[in-house]
Protein backbone atom coordinates (compact mmCIF):
# COMPACT_ATOMS: atom_id res chain seq x y z
CA MET A 1 -34.59 73.72 30.79
CA ALA A 2 -36.04 70.94 32.92
CA ARG A 3 -34.95 67.32 32.65
CA HIS A 4 -37.89 64.94 32.26
CA ASP A 5 -37.05 61.23 32.46
CA ILE A 6 -39.04 59.31 29.88
CA SER A 7 -38.05 55.91 31.29
CA SER A 8 -41.48 55.70 32.92
CA LEU A 9 -42.93 55.31 29.45
CA ASN A 10 -41.08 52.01 29.32
CA GLY A 11 -42.60 50.74 32.52
CA ASP A 12 -39.87 51.76 34.97
CA THR A 13 -40.84 52.39 38.56
CA PRO A 14 -41.38 56.11 39.22
CA ALA A 15 -39.03 57.83 41.57
CA THR A 16 -41.88 58.45 44.02
CA THR A 17 -42.49 54.75 44.62
CA PRO A 18 -41.88 53.91 48.30
CA ASP A 19 -38.67 52.00 48.99
CA ASN A 20 -40.49 49.14 50.72
CA SER A 21 -42.92 48.45 47.90
CA LEU A 22 -43.09 44.91 46.57
CA ASP A 23 -44.48 43.83 43.26
CA GLU A 24 -46.80 40.86 42.93
CA THR A 25 -43.95 38.57 41.90
CA SER A 26 -41.91 39.17 45.07
CA PRO A 27 -41.60 36.36 47.63
CA LEU A 28 -43.74 36.95 50.72
CA LEU A 29 -40.83 37.17 53.13
CA ALA A 30 -39.33 40.07 55.00
CA ALA A 31 -36.00 39.28 53.42
CA THR A 32 -37.34 40.12 50.00
CA LYS A 33 -37.93 43.81 50.51
CA ALA A 34 -36.87 45.65 47.37
CA ILE A 35 -33.40 47.04 47.87
CA ASP A 36 -32.64 50.28 46.13
CA ASP A 37 -29.53 52.37 45.74
CA ASN A 38 -30.22 54.49 48.82
CA ASP A 39 -30.14 51.69 51.37
CA ARG A 40 -27.53 49.28 50.12
CA PRO A 41 -24.33 50.30 51.88
CA GLY A 42 -24.04 47.94 54.80
CA PRO A 43 -23.79 44.21 55.30
CA SER A 44 -26.87 44.33 57.61
CA ILE A 45 -29.29 43.68 54.76
CA PRO A 46 -32.39 41.64 55.69
CA GLY A 47 -31.91 37.99 54.77
CA LEU A 48 -28.36 38.56 53.51
CA PHE A 49 -27.14 35.22 54.91
CA TRP A 50 -29.64 33.24 52.84
CA ILE A 51 -29.09 35.39 49.77
CA GLU A 52 -25.36 34.68 50.03
CA ALA A 53 -26.07 30.99 50.63
CA ALA A 54 -27.94 30.81 47.33
CA LEU A 55 -25.26 32.76 45.46
CA PHE A 56 -22.34 30.86 46.95
CA THR A 57 -23.96 27.52 46.21
CA ASN A 58 -23.92 28.49 42.55
CA VAL A 59 -20.30 29.60 42.87
CA PHE A 60 -19.46 26.25 44.46
CA LEU A 61 -21.13 24.41 41.57
CA ALA A 62 -19.16 26.45 39.03
CA GLY A 63 -15.91 25.43 40.71
CA PHE A 64 -16.93 21.79 41.14
CA ASP A 65 -18.04 21.39 37.53
CA GLY A 66 -14.79 22.79 36.16
CA THR A 67 -12.48 20.31 37.87
CA VAL A 68 -14.80 17.31 37.90
CA THR A 69 -14.77 17.52 34.10
CA ALA A 70 -10.99 17.96 33.98
CA SER A 71 -10.41 14.85 36.08
CA THR A 72 -12.84 12.63 34.14
CA TYR A 73 -12.67 13.68 30.47
CA ALA A 74 -9.95 11.12 29.68
CA VAL A 75 -12.19 8.33 31.02
CA ILE A 76 -15.25 9.64 29.17
CA THR A 77 -13.56 9.96 25.79
CA SER A 78 -11.82 6.60 26.19
CA GLU A 79 -15.20 4.97 26.76
CA PHE A 80 -16.53 6.56 23.58
CA GLN A 81 -13.22 5.91 21.72
CA SER A 82 -12.87 9.63 20.97
CA ALA A 83 -9.87 10.91 22.94
CA ASN A 84 -9.03 13.24 20.03
CA LEU A 85 -12.31 15.08 20.72
CA ALA A 86 -11.68 15.45 24.46
CA SER A 87 -11.37 19.23 24.25
CA TRP A 88 -14.98 19.53 23.11
CA ILE A 89 -16.26 18.40 26.50
CA SER A 90 -14.76 21.57 27.94
CA THR A 91 -14.98 23.92 24.97
CA SER A 92 -18.67 23.25 24.23
CA TYR A 93 -19.38 24.44 27.78
CA LEU A 94 -17.02 27.40 27.48
CA VAL A 95 -18.32 28.60 24.10
CA THR A 96 -21.90 29.02 25.32
CA THR A 97 -20.65 30.44 28.61
CA THR A 98 -18.54 32.99 26.76
CA ALA A 99 -21.30 34.12 24.40
CA LEU A 100 -24.12 34.24 26.95
CA GLN A 101 -22.26 35.52 30.00
CA PRO A 102 -22.55 39.20 29.02
CA LEU A 103 -26.22 38.70 28.16
CA TYR A 104 -26.85 37.87 31.80
CA GLY A 105 -25.37 41.20 32.82
CA ARG A 106 -27.45 43.13 30.29
CA MET A 107 -30.65 41.16 30.85
CA SER A 108 -30.34 41.52 34.63
CA ASP A 109 -30.41 45.29 34.16
CA LEU A 110 -33.60 44.92 32.12
CA VAL A 111 -35.66 42.09 33.62
CA GLY A 112 -34.16 41.87 37.10
CA ARG A 113 -31.34 40.09 38.90
CA ARG A 114 -33.49 37.27 40.30
CA VAL A 115 -34.96 36.22 36.96
CA CYS A 116 -31.49 35.87 35.45
CA LEU A 117 -30.14 34.07 38.52
CA LEU A 118 -32.97 31.51 38.44
CA THR A 119 -32.64 31.02 34.69
CA ALA A 120 -28.89 30.36 34.96
CA THR A 121 -29.34 27.88 37.81
CA ALA A 122 -32.12 25.98 36.03
CA LEU A 123 -30.23 25.70 32.71
CA PHE A 124 -27.10 24.52 34.46
CA GLY A 125 -29.01 21.83 36.36
CA LEU A 126 -30.79 20.59 33.24
CA GLY A 127 -27.46 20.43 31.40
CA CYS A 128 -25.86 18.35 34.17
CA LEU A 129 -28.82 15.97 34.15
CA GLY A 130 -28.56 15.65 30.36
CA CYS A 131 -24.83 14.86 30.62
CA ALA A 132 -25.50 12.06 33.09
CA LEU A 133 -28.07 10.51 30.73
CA SER A 134 -26.17 11.02 27.44
CA PRO A 135 -25.99 7.84 25.29
CA ASP A 136 -23.08 9.07 23.14
CA LEU A 137 -20.40 11.75 22.96
CA ALA A 138 -22.37 13.99 20.59
CA MET A 139 -25.27 14.22 23.06
CA LEU A 140 -22.85 14.76 25.94
CA ILE A 141 -21.22 17.68 24.10
CA ALA A 142 -24.67 19.17 23.38
CA MET A 143 -25.65 18.88 27.05
CA ARG A 144 -22.37 20.45 28.11
CA ALA A 145 -23.28 23.38 25.86
CA LEU A 146 -26.67 23.61 27.61
CA ALA A 147 -24.98 23.53 31.02
CA GLY A 148 -22.66 26.28 29.79
CA ALA A 149 -25.67 28.41 28.86
CA GLY A 150 -26.53 28.37 32.56
CA GLY A 151 -22.96 28.33 33.82
CA GLY A 152 -22.39 31.69 32.19
CA GLY A 153 -24.66 33.24 34.79
CA LEU A 154 -23.52 31.40 37.93
CA MET A 155 -20.44 33.49 38.72
CA THR A 156 -21.61 36.60 36.84
CA MET A 157 -24.89 36.96 38.71
CA ALA A 158 -23.25 36.26 42.07
CA THR A 159 -20.71 39.02 41.43
CA ILE A 160 -23.28 41.52 40.11
CA ILE A 161 -25.74 40.94 42.96
CA ASN A 162 -22.98 41.27 45.55
CA THR A 163 -21.79 44.47 43.87
CA ASP A 164 -25.34 45.77 44.25
CA LEU A 165 -25.73 44.77 47.88
CA ILE A 166 -22.32 45.13 49.47
CA ALA A 167 -20.56 48.39 50.36
CA PRO A 168 -17.40 49.07 48.31
CA GLU A 169 -15.08 48.72 51.30
CA GLN A 170 -16.51 45.24 52.04
CA ARG A 171 -16.53 43.88 48.49
CA GLY A 172 -12.96 42.62 48.61
CA MET A 173 -13.81 40.24 51.45
CA TYR A 174 -16.99 39.03 49.78
CA GLN A 175 -15.05 38.47 46.55
CA ALA A 176 -12.45 36.56 48.55
CA ALA A 177 -15.20 34.45 50.16
CA GLN A 178 -16.61 33.82 46.69
CA ASN A 179 -13.18 32.72 45.50
CA ILE A 180 -12.80 30.42 48.49
CA LEU A 181 -16.14 28.73 47.79
CA HIS A 182 -15.16 28.37 44.14
CA GLY A 183 -11.87 26.86 45.30
CA VAL A 184 -13.60 24.43 47.66
CA GLY A 185 -15.78 23.33 44.77
CA SER A 186 -12.70 22.94 42.60
CA ILE A 187 -10.95 20.86 45.25
CA LEU A 188 -13.91 18.56 45.74
CA GLY A 189 -14.42 18.26 41.99
CA ALA A 190 -10.78 17.35 41.48
CA SER A 191 -10.63 14.88 44.36
CA LEU A 192 -14.08 13.32 44.03
CA GLY A 193 -14.49 13.37 40.25
CA GLY A 194 -11.89 10.73 39.53
CA THR A 195 -12.97 8.69 42.56
CA ILE A 196 -16.62 8.75 41.50
CA ALA A 197 -15.68 7.85 37.93
CA GLY A 198 -13.59 4.92 39.10
CA ALA A 199 -16.05 3.65 41.70
CA ILE A 200 -19.55 4.05 40.22
CA GLY A 201 -19.03 5.64 36.81
CA TRP A 202 -18.36 9.08 35.36
CA ARG A 203 -22.08 9.78 34.84
CA PHE A 204 -22.53 10.23 38.58
CA SER A 205 -19.97 13.05 38.49
CA PHE A 206 -22.64 15.07 36.68
CA LEU A 207 -25.66 13.57 38.40
CA VAL A 208 -24.43 14.51 41.89
CA GLN A 209 -24.64 18.20 40.93
CA VAL A 210 -28.36 18.07 40.11
CA PRO A 211 -29.80 17.98 43.68
CA ILE A 212 -27.38 20.70 44.81
CA CYS A 213 -28.48 22.82 41.87
CA LEU A 214 -32.14 22.20 42.69
CA ALA A 215 -31.59 23.28 46.32
CA ALA A 216 -29.87 26.49 45.15
CA LEU A 217 -32.76 27.17 42.77
CA ILE A 218 -35.38 26.83 45.52
CA VAL A 219 -33.46 28.98 48.02
CA ALA A 220 -32.83 31.69 45.42
CA ARG A 221 -36.50 31.78 44.42
CA VAL A 222 -37.55 32.25 48.04
CA VAL A 223 -34.99 34.72 49.39
CA VAL A 224 -33.52 36.80 46.54
CA PRO A 225 -35.50 40.03 46.07
CA ALA A 226 -37.33 40.57 42.82
CA LYS A 227 -35.74 44.03 42.54
CA ILE A 228 -32.19 44.88 43.54
CA THR A 229 -30.80 48.33 42.77
CA PRO A 230 -32.79 49.00 39.59
CA ARG A 231 -30.64 50.45 36.80
CA LYS A 232 -31.93 52.47 33.87
CA PRO A 233 -30.77 50.89 30.61
CA ALA A 234 -28.21 52.88 28.68
CA ALA A 235 -30.56 52.94 25.69
CA VAL A 236 -33.20 54.92 27.61
CA LYS A 237 -32.50 58.57 27.02
CA THR A 238 -33.66 61.83 28.58
CA VAL A 239 -34.84 64.80 26.55
CA ASP A 240 -34.94 68.50 27.17
CA ILE A 241 -38.47 69.88 27.47
CA PRO A 242 -38.93 73.64 27.95
CA GLU A 243 -40.38 74.52 31.34
CA ASP A 244 -42.71 77.10 29.78
CA SER A 245 -44.07 74.78 27.06
CA SER A 246 -47.73 75.05 27.96
CA SER A 247 -49.23 74.58 24.54
CA ASP A 248 -49.60 71.36 22.58
CA GLU A 249 -47.88 73.06 19.63
CA GLU A 250 -44.72 73.79 21.64
CA THR A 251 -44.65 70.25 23.07
CA ALA A 252 -45.04 68.75 19.64
CA GLU A 253 -41.93 70.55 18.44
CA THR A 254 -39.77 68.67 20.97
CA PRO A 255 -38.43 65.45 19.42
CA VAL A 256 -39.18 62.58 21.81
CA LYS A 257 -37.93 59.17 20.74
CA ARG A 258 -39.80 56.02 21.66
CA PRO A 259 -37.91 54.15 24.36
CA MET A 260 -36.55 50.81 23.18
CA SER A 261 -38.33 47.72 24.45
CA THR A 262 -36.52 45.21 26.64
CA TRP A 263 -35.90 42.78 23.80
CA GLU A 264 -34.73 45.48 21.41
CA GLN A 265 -31.92 46.29 23.82
CA VAL A 266 -30.55 42.72 23.87
CA ASP A 267 -27.79 41.97 21.37
CA PHE A 268 -29.01 38.57 20.18
CA LEU A 269 -27.36 38.91 16.77
CA GLY A 270 -24.01 39.55 18.42
CA ALA A 271 -24.43 36.48 20.64
CA ILE A 272 -25.30 34.26 17.66
CA LEU A 273 -22.31 35.48 15.65
CA LEU A 274 -19.96 34.99 18.62
CA ILE A 275 -21.18 31.43 19.28
CA ALA A 276 -20.98 30.50 15.59
CA GLY A 277 -17.56 32.09 15.09
CA LEU A 278 -16.00 30.44 18.15
CA SER A 279 -17.58 27.06 17.32
CA LEU A 280 -16.18 27.08 13.76
CA PHE A 281 -12.78 28.13 15.10
CA LEU A 282 -12.76 25.26 17.59
CA ALA A 283 -13.96 22.81 14.95
CA ALA A 284 -11.03 23.82 12.73
CA LEU A 285 -8.53 23.42 15.58
CA SER A 286 -9.98 20.05 16.55
CA ALA A 287 -9.97 18.68 12.99
CA GLY A 288 -6.55 20.09 12.18
CA SER A 289 -4.83 18.65 15.24
CA SER A 290 -6.49 15.24 15.58
CA ASN A 291 -5.58 13.39 12.41
CA THR A 292 -2.36 14.04 10.47
CA ASP A 293 -0.11 17.00 9.70
CA LEU A 294 -1.75 17.27 6.29
CA ALA A 295 -5.13 17.86 7.94
CA TRP A 296 -4.36 21.56 8.25
CA THR A 297 -4.51 21.84 4.44
CA ASP A 298 -7.80 19.99 4.20
CA PRO A 299 -10.50 22.15 2.49
CA THR A 300 -12.94 21.54 5.34
CA VAL A 301 -10.46 22.81 7.94
CA LEU A 302 -9.58 25.84 5.84
CA ALA A 303 -13.27 26.57 5.26
CA CYS A 304 -13.94 26.44 9.02
CA LEU A 305 -11.04 28.80 9.71
CA ALA A 306 -12.16 31.24 7.02
CA GLY A 307 -15.78 31.05 8.19
CA SER A 308 -14.79 31.69 11.80
CA LEU A 309 -12.76 34.77 10.85
CA LEU A 310 -15.64 36.15 8.80
CA LEU A 311 -18.18 35.54 11.56
CA LEU A 312 -15.95 37.07 14.24
CA ALA A 313 -15.28 40.07 11.98
CA ALA A 314 -19.06 40.38 11.48
CA PHE A 315 -19.44 40.22 15.28
CA ILE A 316 -17.07 43.19 15.71
CA ALA A 317 -18.95 45.11 12.99
CA VAL A 318 -22.30 44.41 14.67
CA GLU A 319 -20.93 45.54 18.04
CA ALA A 320 -19.82 48.81 16.46
CA ARG A 321 -23.15 49.55 14.78
CA THR A 322 -25.87 47.84 16.82
CA THR A 323 -28.69 49.91 18.27
CA ALA A 324 -29.04 47.31 21.04
CA VAL A 325 -26.82 47.28 24.10
CA PRO A 326 -23.66 45.59 22.72
CA LEU A 327 -22.11 42.42 24.11
CA LEU A 328 -18.67 43.94 23.64
CA PRO A 329 -18.79 47.72 24.20
CA LEU A 330 -16.02 48.90 21.89
CA SER A 331 -16.08 52.30 23.58
CA MET A 332 -14.60 50.65 26.69
CA LEU A 333 -11.51 49.56 24.76
CA HIS A 334 -10.07 53.07 24.61
CA GLY A 335 -6.81 53.67 26.46
CA VAL A 336 -3.68 51.59 26.95
CA GLU A 337 -4.51 50.70 30.55
CA ARG A 338 -7.96 49.30 29.78
CA VAL A 339 -6.70 47.28 26.82
CA ALA A 340 -3.75 45.96 28.87
CA LEU A 341 -6.08 44.84 31.67
CA LEU A 342 -8.42 43.09 29.25
CA VAL A 343 -5.50 41.33 27.56
CA ALA A 344 -4.22 40.31 31.01
CA ASN A 345 -7.61 38.79 31.81
CA VAL A 346 -7.64 36.92 28.49
CA CYS A 347 -4.24 35.51 29.44
CA LEU A 348 -5.49 34.55 32.89
CA GLY A 349 -8.33 32.62 31.24
CA ILE A 350 -5.87 30.87 28.91
CA SER A 351 -3.56 29.97 31.81
CA GLY A 352 -6.30 28.78 34.14
CA TYR A 353 -8.22 26.47 31.83
CA GLY A 354 -5.20 25.51 29.74
CA PHE A 355 -3.51 24.27 32.92
CA LEU A 356 -6.68 22.55 34.10
CA PHE A 357 -6.98 20.72 30.77
CA LEU A 358 -3.30 19.81 30.44
CA MET A 359 -2.30 18.51 33.86
CA PRO A 360 -4.87 15.67 34.22
CA LEU A 361 -3.66 14.39 30.84
CA TYR A 362 -0.07 14.68 32.06
CA PHE A 363 -0.85 12.68 35.18
CA GLN A 364 -2.80 9.93 33.41
CA ALA A 365 -0.69 9.56 30.25
CA VAL A 366 2.80 10.32 31.57
CA LEU A 367 2.63 9.16 35.20
CA LEU A 368 -0.04 6.49 34.46
CA ASP A 369 -2.19 7.68 37.36
CA THR A 370 -5.76 6.49 37.76
CA PRO A 371 -8.43 9.20 37.37
CA SER A 372 -8.86 9.39 41.15
CA VAL A 373 -5.12 9.88 41.78
CA ALA A 374 -4.90 12.43 38.96
CA GLY A 375 -7.75 14.34 40.56
CA LEU A 376 -6.09 14.27 43.98
CA ARG A 377 -2.93 15.77 42.49
CA LEU A 378 -4.96 18.85 41.53
CA VAL A 379 -6.17 19.44 45.09
CA ALA A 380 -3.15 21.48 46.23
CA SER A 381 -3.28 23.89 43.28
CA SER A 382 -7.07 24.12 43.53
CA LEU A 383 -6.69 25.12 47.19
CA ALA A 384 -3.92 27.60 46.41
CA THR A 385 -6.12 29.56 43.98
CA PRO A 386 -8.76 30.67 46.55
CA LEU A 387 -5.99 31.27 49.09
CA GLY A 388 -4.43 33.66 46.59
CA GLY A 389 -7.80 35.37 46.19
CA LEU A 390 -8.15 35.57 49.97
CA THR A 391 -4.70 37.17 50.18
CA THR A 392 -5.78 39.85 47.73
CA GLY A 393 -9.01 40.42 49.65
CA LEU A 394 -7.19 40.76 52.99
CA ALA A 395 -4.68 43.13 51.44
CA MET A 396 -7.48 45.29 50.05
CA LYS A 397 -9.13 45.38 53.47
CA PHE A 398 -6.16 45.94 55.80
CA LEU A 399 -4.04 48.11 53.50
CA ALA A 400 -6.98 50.29 52.51
CA GLY A 401 -6.04 52.90 55.11
CA ARG A 402 -2.45 53.17 53.92
CA PHE A 403 -3.62 53.57 50.32
CA ALA A 404 -6.73 55.61 51.15
CA ASN A 405 -5.78 58.31 48.65
CA ASN A 406 -4.70 55.92 45.89
CA GLN A 407 -6.50 52.56 45.86
CA GLN A 408 -5.40 51.99 42.25
CA ALA A 409 -1.76 51.78 43.31
CA LEU A 410 -2.64 49.00 45.76
CA LEU A 411 -4.58 47.07 43.12
CA ALA A 412 -1.79 47.49 40.57
CA GLY A 413 0.74 46.14 43.04
CA LEU A 414 -1.42 43.13 43.84
CA ALA A 415 -2.03 42.39 40.16
CA ARG A 416 1.68 42.55 39.37
CA THR A 417 2.61 40.38 42.33
CA GLY A 418 0.08 37.72 41.33
CA ALA A 419 1.24 37.74 37.70
CA ILE A 420 4.91 37.37 38.69
CA ILE A 421 4.11 34.47 41.03
CA LEU A 422 2.13 32.84 38.17
CA LEU A 423 5.18 33.20 35.90
CA VAL A 424 7.49 31.70 38.52
CA GLY A 425 5.06 28.80 38.90
CA GLY A 426 5.24 28.19 35.16
CA LEU A 427 9.03 27.91 35.38
CA PHE A 428 8.75 25.40 38.21
CA ASN A 429 6.21 23.34 36.23
CA LEU A 430 8.70 23.01 33.36
CA ALA A 431 11.19 21.53 35.82
CA LEU A 432 8.89 18.57 36.57
CA GLY A 433 10.10 15.22 35.27
CA MET A 434 8.57 11.79 34.80
CA HIS A 435 9.90 10.25 38.01
CA ASP A 436 9.94 13.05 40.58
CA PRO A 437 8.77 12.62 44.19
CA ASN A 438 5.04 13.12 44.67
CA TRP A 439 5.54 16.21 46.84
CA LYS A 440 7.14 18.05 43.92
CA TYR A 441 4.05 17.74 41.74
CA ALA A 442 1.91 19.16 44.53
CA ALA A 443 4.30 21.93 45.60
CA TYR A 444 5.22 23.16 42.13
CA LEU A 445 1.63 23.33 40.90
CA THR A 446 0.66 25.26 44.03
CA ILE A 447 2.88 28.23 43.14
CA GLY A 448 1.08 29.03 39.91
CA GLY A 449 -2.32 28.40 41.46
CA PHE A 450 -1.63 30.93 44.21
CA GLY A 451 -0.53 33.56 41.69
CA GLN A 452 -3.60 32.90 39.57
CA GLY A 453 -5.81 33.38 42.62
CA MET A 454 -4.18 36.70 43.51
CA SER A 455 -4.52 37.96 39.95
CA TYR A 456 -8.22 37.23 39.47
CA PRO A 457 -9.74 39.79 41.90
CA ALA A 458 -6.86 42.27 41.54
CA SER A 459 -7.23 42.48 37.75
CA LEU A 460 -11.04 42.62 38.01
CA PHE A 461 -11.07 45.52 40.48
CA SER A 462 -8.25 47.27 38.61
CA PHE A 463 -10.36 47.31 35.45
CA ILE A 464 -13.45 48.45 37.36
CA GLY A 465 -11.36 51.22 38.91
CA ALA A 466 -10.19 52.30 35.46
CA CYS A 467 -13.80 52.82 34.34
CA ASP A 468 -16.34 55.49 35.22
CA PHE A 469 -18.84 54.76 37.99
CA GLY A 470 -21.71 54.29 35.55
CA GLU A 471 -19.68 51.67 33.66
CA HIS A 472 -19.01 49.38 36.63
CA ALA A 473 -21.70 46.79 35.82
CA VAL A 474 -20.56 46.64 32.20
CA ALA A 475 -16.92 46.45 33.27
CA THR A 476 -17.62 43.49 35.57
CA TYR A 477 -19.12 41.23 32.96
CA LEU A 478 -16.71 42.46 30.29
CA VAL A 479 -13.86 41.08 32.40
CA TYR A 480 -15.71 37.76 32.74
CA LEU A 481 -16.37 37.79 28.99
CA VAL A 482 -12.72 38.14 28.01
CA ARG A 483 -11.68 35.58 30.63
CA SER A 484 -14.14 33.15 29.11
CA VAL A 485 -12.79 33.84 25.63
CA GLY A 486 -9.34 33.15 27.07
CA SER A 487 -10.59 29.91 28.61
CA VAL A 488 -11.90 28.70 25.25
CA CYS A 489 -8.64 29.65 23.54
CA GLY A 490 -6.59 28.03 26.31
CA VAL A 491 -8.29 24.65 26.05
CA ALA A 492 -8.28 24.78 22.23
CA ALA A 493 -4.61 25.81 22.08
CA ILE A 494 -3.43 23.15 24.53
CA SER A 495 -5.47 20.48 22.77
CA THR A 496 -4.05 21.53 19.40
CA ILE A 497 -0.45 21.67 20.65
CA VAL A 498 -0.60 18.29 22.40
CA GLN A 499 -2.53 16.48 19.66
CA THR A 500 -0.34 17.86 16.87
CA GLN A 501 2.86 16.91 18.69
CA LEU A 502 1.44 13.54 19.69
CA VAL A 503 0.31 12.56 16.19
CA ALA A 504 3.57 13.74 14.62
CA ARG A 505 5.78 11.81 17.04
CA LEU A 506 3.65 8.65 17.03
CA THR A 507 3.72 8.69 13.23
CA GLU A 508 7.49 9.20 13.24
CA VAL A 509 8.11 6.31 15.64
CA PHE A 510 5.51 3.70 14.66
CA SER A 511 4.68 4.44 11.01
CA GLY A 512 5.70 1.57 8.72
CA LYS A 513 5.99 -0.94 11.56
CA PRO A 514 3.66 -3.97 11.78
CA GLY A 515 0.41 -2.81 13.38
CA GLY A 516 1.75 0.74 13.55
CA ALA A 517 -1.20 2.45 11.87
CA GLU A 518 -3.67 0.67 14.15
CA LEU A 519 -1.59 1.52 17.22
CA ILE A 520 -1.45 5.21 16.27
CA ASP A 521 -5.22 5.31 15.76
CA THR A 522 -5.85 3.59 19.11
CA LEU A 523 -3.52 5.85 21.09
CA THR A 524 -5.02 9.05 19.62
CA HIS A 525 -8.53 7.91 20.58
CA SER A 526 -7.97 6.37 24.03
CA VAL A 527 -5.57 7.34 26.81
CA GLU A 528 -6.41 4.15 28.71
CA ALA A 529 -4.99 2.10 25.82
CA LEU A 530 -1.54 2.92 27.25
CA LEU A 531 -2.10 0.41 30.05
CA ASP A 532 -2.52 -2.46 27.59
CA LEU A 533 0.79 -1.89 25.78
CA PRO A 534 3.96 -3.94 26.32
CA GLU A 535 6.26 -2.25 28.82
CA GLU A 536 8.88 -1.22 26.26
CA THR A 537 6.30 0.29 23.89
CA ARG A 538 4.48 1.95 26.78
CA GLU A 539 7.64 3.72 27.94
CA VAL A 540 8.21 5.09 24.44
CA VAL A 541 4.64 6.41 24.28
CA GLN A 542 4.97 7.92 27.77
CA ASP A 543 8.05 9.82 26.59
CA ILE A 544 6.09 11.10 23.58
CA TYR A 545 3.24 12.29 25.83
CA TYR A 546 5.76 13.92 28.17
CA GLU A 547 7.32 15.97 25.36
CA ALA A 548 3.88 16.90 24.02
CA CYS A 549 2.78 18.10 27.46
CA ARG A 550 6.00 20.11 27.87
CA GLN A 551 5.20 21.93 24.66
CA GLY A 552 1.90 22.90 26.28
CA LEU A 553 3.72 24.09 29.42
CA PHE A 554 6.05 26.25 27.33
CA PHE A 555 3.01 27.84 25.72
CA LEU A 556 1.46 28.58 29.13
CA LEU A 557 4.76 30.08 30.31
CA GLY A 558 4.73 32.47 27.37
CA VAL A 559 1.14 33.46 28.17
CA SER A 560 2.17 34.17 31.79
CA ALA A 561 4.96 36.43 30.53
CA VAL A 562 2.40 38.42 28.54
CA THR A 563 0.28 38.72 31.70
CA VAL A 564 3.21 40.22 33.63
CA THR A 565 3.88 42.67 30.80
CA CYS A 566 0.26 43.80 30.78
CA THR A 567 0.16 44.40 34.54
CA LEU A 568 3.19 46.67 34.23
CA LEU A 569 1.01 48.98 32.10
CA ILE A 570 -1.54 49.50 34.88
CA SER A 571 -1.54 53.09 36.07
CA THR A 572 -0.69 53.77 39.70
CA LYS A 573 -1.69 57.43 39.55
CA ARG A 574 -4.46 58.72 41.77
CA ARG A 575 -7.75 59.05 39.88
C-alpha cells in the first residue's frame, strides 16, 4: 500500500518545491528565504539578528506593559473614582490574551508565522493607543482587552518562531535571552511607569509603547520570512490508496475525505465560550468583593457565577467534540506528570501576576509611596526574574553533557529548585512589616522573583519533553494558555481577597460613626484618598490595608506550596 498525502488538495506546497522558493508575498530580501525543516539546525540563519530584533522587541513590550500597568493602576482608578474596579485593567487584558493565545499557535500553523506575528503586533499597538486616548474607565478596559488580543501573540509567536529556527541544544540560551529582554521591559515598566504617571500623566505610559510597537511591526514585515518550517495541520489526513488501482472503479472505492479548510480548523466557538466564561467569572468576583459582604448573595452575582460555570463546562464539552483543532487538547491531559506540570504552570501564573497586582497596592496604601517610588521597589524583583531564567538557560547549556542521557532529570531538578526558592521567597514576604528598612523590601521580593524566573523555562521544557515530538508546538502554547488562565485567576483572587477584607474591616471600624459611610465609599474607590485623612485615621486605614495585603500573601504562599508539590511529580526517568 502506498501513502499518498492529500494535503496538496488543500493548497500545501508540494514536497518537490525547491527550498529557496519564495512566494509573491515574501519580502525581497536575502534574509527572507523560506526556511524549511531540513535547514534549520544552526544559529547561522540568514538575517537571524534582525529576526530576533523584531521578536525580542515584542517580548520587551510584553514585559514593559505588564509592570507599567501594575505601577499605575492605582492612579488611573483613583482618577476615575473606581479603585474597586482596578483589577479589570489587568484582567480585561489577560482574558483576551488567555483565550486568543492558543489561536495564534494554531493559526500560525495554518496561515504562517509572519501573518500571526504582524497581527499580534498591530493589535497590541492599537490597543495601547486606545488606552492613551480613553475618556473613561469603560473605554480604557475595552482598549486593554484589544491590547490583550495582540499581547496573546507577542510571547507565543516569539517562542514558536525561535523553536522553528533554533537548534534544540541552543534553545535554552535563546529562551534565557528572551526572558532577560522580558525582564528588562518589566524593570523599565516598573521604574518608568510611576515616574511617567507622576510627571506627565498615566496616559503617556501607554502612548510611549506605540512608536516602539510600530518599529517592531515594520522590522518584522521586512525581515521575517513568509514561510518558516511549514507544518501540516493535524486535521489533514493521509489515506491508503492501492498501488495497483489503475481503474477509475477501484479508485472510486477508496474513501477520500475532503480536507478541512483553514477556517474550519480554527476553534472559534471554543474561544468565544472561554472569553465569555472567564469574563462572567471575573464580573462575579469583582461585584462580590467590591461592595458589602451581602453582595455575594446578590442574584446578579449568583447569576454570573452560574453562567460562568455553564459556559466553561460548555467549553470543555466543545473541546472534547469539536472537529476543529481544539484550543485545549484534552488528549494531552493524560498522565500524572503532564497534569502536574500544567497545574504547576497555572500556579506560576497565579503567583506571578498575583504578586505583580498586590505589591504596588501594598507600597502605595501601606507604605504611602508615590507611584514612582512604588514602581522603583519592583525593579529588584523584576531583575531577579530574568536572572533566574538565565540561570536555568546556563544550566541547560553547561550541564547538558553531564545529563546527556537524561535531559529530563536536569529539567526536573531545575523546576524543583525554582519552585522551592519561590516558596522560600513567599515566607520572607510574609515577614515584611510596615516600618522595615528599604533594603528589606528589595531583598525579600528578589528571592521569589528569582525562583519564578528559574521555574518558567524549566517547567516549559519539562512539559515539552513529556510530550511526543509531533506535539511540541501544541505543548508550547498549551503551557502559555494555562499560565494565562493562572494569571487571570491570580489577579481576580488577590483583588477579591483584598477587597473583601478591606470592606469588612472598614465597615467594622467606621460603620455607625459620623461620616463613616462616606469614608468607606471613598476609601474603596480611591487609594489616593488616604493622603487626605487625618493622621490618626490614616494610620488605622493603613493597618487595615496591611492585614488585607497579608491575606493575599498567605494565599500566594499556599499557591507556591502547590507548585513545589507538582514539581515533585515530574519524572526523572530517561525517555
